[in-house]
Amino acid sequence: MFTFFLVIQLVLGIALIVLILLQQGKGADMGAAFGSGSSSTVFGARGSGNFFSRTTGILATAFFINSLLLSSPLVRDTTGSTASVTERVQTSPAQPVRPGPDTDLPDLPDVPGAPAQEAPAGQDDLPR
């Protein structure tokens, strides 16, 4: 059920984008008023504004309702998880665990120690 509404949401979103890009701007009718040709005669004398505006409103309402349905528990299968998010998180111990001599640690290669640096001659006399 969730997948069905998700596909519908995708189709509605693409249809809204295409429909909005097909619409003319508010200034597009000014050219037709000064004799540059007939404006949108395919959709009638009133032009395509009324048809596109009404269809955009219907698609936007369907998109909004579908978004609410996708986020509601009616569509999502929430019956399997009864625990809240905070109950599902594993708690950490109060104090950090420090490895002791009896702790089983994986065998790691020995790291050679840093060589001891000797002070150069003559610097032992400096006051500190």
Protein backbone atom coordinates (compact mmCIF):
# COMPACT_ATOMS: atom_id res chain seq x y z
CA MET A 1 0.00 0.00 0.00
CA PHE A 2 2.84 2.36 0.88
CA THR A 3 4.57 1.64 -2.43
CA PHE A 4 1.36 2.41 -4.34
CA PHE A 5 1.01 5.83 -2.70
CA LEU A 6 4.72 6.49 -3.22
CA VAL A 7 4.37 5.87 -6.96
CA ILE A 8 1.28 8.11 -7.05
CA GLN A 9 3.30 10.82 -5.26
CA LEU A 10 6.05 10.57 -7.86
CA VAL A 11 3.58 10.80 -10.76
CA LEU A 12 1.78 13.77 -9.16
CA GLY A 13 5.08 15.56 -8.57
CA ILE A 14 6.23 15.13 -12.17
CA ALA A 15 2.80 16.16 -13.50
CA LEU A 16 2.87 19.31 -11.34
CA ILE A 17 6.34 20.25 -12.57
CA VAL A 18 5.37 19.77 -16.23
CA LEU A 19 2.10 21.64 -15.84
CA ILE A 20 3.73 24.60 -14.11
CA LEU A 21 6.43 24.81 -16.77
CA LEU A 22 3.78 24.83 -19.53
CA GLN A 23 2.01 27.88 -18.10
CA GLN A 24 2.65 31.34 -19.47
CA GLY A 25 3.73 34.21 -17.31
CA LYS A 26 1.52 37.20 -16.51
CA GLY A 27 3.31 39.41 -19.04
CA ALA A 28 2.79 37.02 -21.96
CA ASP A 29 -0.66 38.44 -22.84
CA MET A 30 0.70 41.97 -23.40
CA GLY A 31 2.26 40.98 -26.72
CA ALA A 32 -1.04 39.66 -28.01
CA ALA A 33 -2.80 42.90 -27.07
CA PHE A 34 -0.52 44.92 -29.37
CA GLY A 35 -1.04 42.74 -32.43
CA SER A 36 1.65 40.09 -32.26
CA GLY A 37 -0.83 37.33 -33.01
CA SER A 38 -3.55 35.37 -31.32
CA SER A 39 -2.80 34.18 -27.84
CA SER A 40 -3.58 30.54 -27.01
CA THR A 41 -6.40 30.00 -29.49
CA VAL A 42 -6.23 26.24 -28.93
CA PHE A 43 -7.83 26.58 -25.47
CA GLY A 44 -10.50 29.11 -26.50
CA ALA A 45 -10.94 32.86 -26.30
CA ARG A 46 -10.03 33.07 -22.61
CA GLY A 47 -6.74 31.30 -23.24
CA SER A 48 -5.14 28.47 -21.34
CA GLY A 49 -4.90 30.29 -18.02
CA ASN A 50 -8.18 29.03 -16.64
CA PHE A 51 -7.60 25.40 -17.70
CA PHE A 52 -3.99 25.27 -16.44
CA SER A 53 -4.80 27.13 -13.22
CA ARG A 54 -7.67 24.81 -12.34
CA THR A 55 -5.68 21.67 -13.22
CA THR A 56 -2.69 22.90 -11.18
CA GLY A 57 -4.96 23.48 -8.19
CA ILE A 58 -6.45 20.01 -8.45
CA LEU A 59 -3.04 18.34 -8.80
CA ALA A 60 -1.59 20.39 -5.93
CA THR A 61 -4.50 19.37 -3.67
CA ALA A 62 -4.03 15.71 -4.63
CA PHE A 63 -0.26 16.02 -3.95
CA PHE A 64 -0.93 17.54 -0.52
CA ILE A 65 -3.47 14.86 0.47
CA ASN A 66 -1.16 12.11 -0.77
CA SER A 67 1.70 13.58 1.28
CA LEU A 68 -0.46 13.43 4.39
CA LEU A 69 -1.43 9.84 3.62
CA LEU A 70 2.20 8.82 3.17
CA SER A 71 3.12 10.17 6.58
CA SER A 72 0.11 8.71 8.41
CA PRO A 73 0.15 5.36 10.24
CA LEU A 74 -2.86 4.29 8.15
CA VAL A 75 -0.61 3.63 5.17
CA ARG A 76 2.65 2.77 6.93
CA ASP A 77 3.00 -0.66 8.49
CA THR A 78 3.75 0.34 12.07
CA THR A 79 2.21 -2.70 13.74
CA GLY A 80 5.53 -4.55 13.97
CA SER A 81 7.37 -1.98 16.06
CA THR A 82 5.80 -1.09 19.38
CA ALA A 83 8.90 0.40 20.96
CA SER A 84 9.74 4.04 20.57
CA VAL A 85 13.00 5.19 19.05
CA THR A 86 14.53 5.92 22.45
CA GLU A 87 13.65 2.45 23.70
CA ARG A 88 15.33 0.79 20.72
CA VAL A 89 18.67 2.55 21.30
CA GLN A 90 21.12 0.46 23.30
CA THR A 91 22.25 2.10 26.47
CA SER A 92 25.95 2.49 27.08
CA PRO A 93 27.54 1.65 30.43
CA ALA A 94 27.88 4.47 32.95
CA GLN A 95 31.67 4.21 33.14
CA PRO A 96 33.99 3.35 30.29
CA VAL A 97 35.40 -0.14 30.32
CA ARG A 98 39.17 -0.15 30.65
CA PRO A 99 41.05 -3.21 29.60
CA GLY A 100 42.84 -4.92 32.44
CA PRO A 101 45.42 -7.67 32.49
CA ASP A 102 42.70 -10.34 32.41
CA THR A 103 40.81 -8.83 29.44
CA ASP A 104 40.97 -10.82 26.23
CA LEU A 105 42.26 -8.50 23.56
CA PRO A 106 43.13 -9.50 20.03
CA ASP A 107 46.78 -10.18 19.38
CA LEU A 108 48.30 -7.01 18.00
CA PRO A 109 51.82 -6.61 16.74
CA ASP A 110 54.23 -5.08 19.19
CA VAL A 111 54.98 -1.43 18.57
CA PRO A 112 58.59 -0.54 19.11
CA GLY A 113 59.08 2.08 21.78
CA ALA A 114 60.41 5.49 20.93
CA PRO A 115 64.17 5.74 21.43
CA ALA A 116 65.21 7.73 24.46
CA GLN A 117 66.64 11.08 23.49
CA GLU A 118 69.76 12.12 25.26
CA ALA A 119 70.37 15.77 25.95
CA PRO A 120 73.20 17.25 23.91
CA ALA A 121 76.38 17.95 25.77
CA GLY A 122 76.50 21.27 27.55
CA GLN A 123 72.77 21.71 28.07
CA ASP A 124 72.69 20.07 31.48
CA ASP A 125 74.19 23.25 32.96
CA LEU A 126 71.28 25.53 31.94
CA PRO A 127 68.99 26.77 34.74
CA ARG A 128 65.44 25.54 34.61
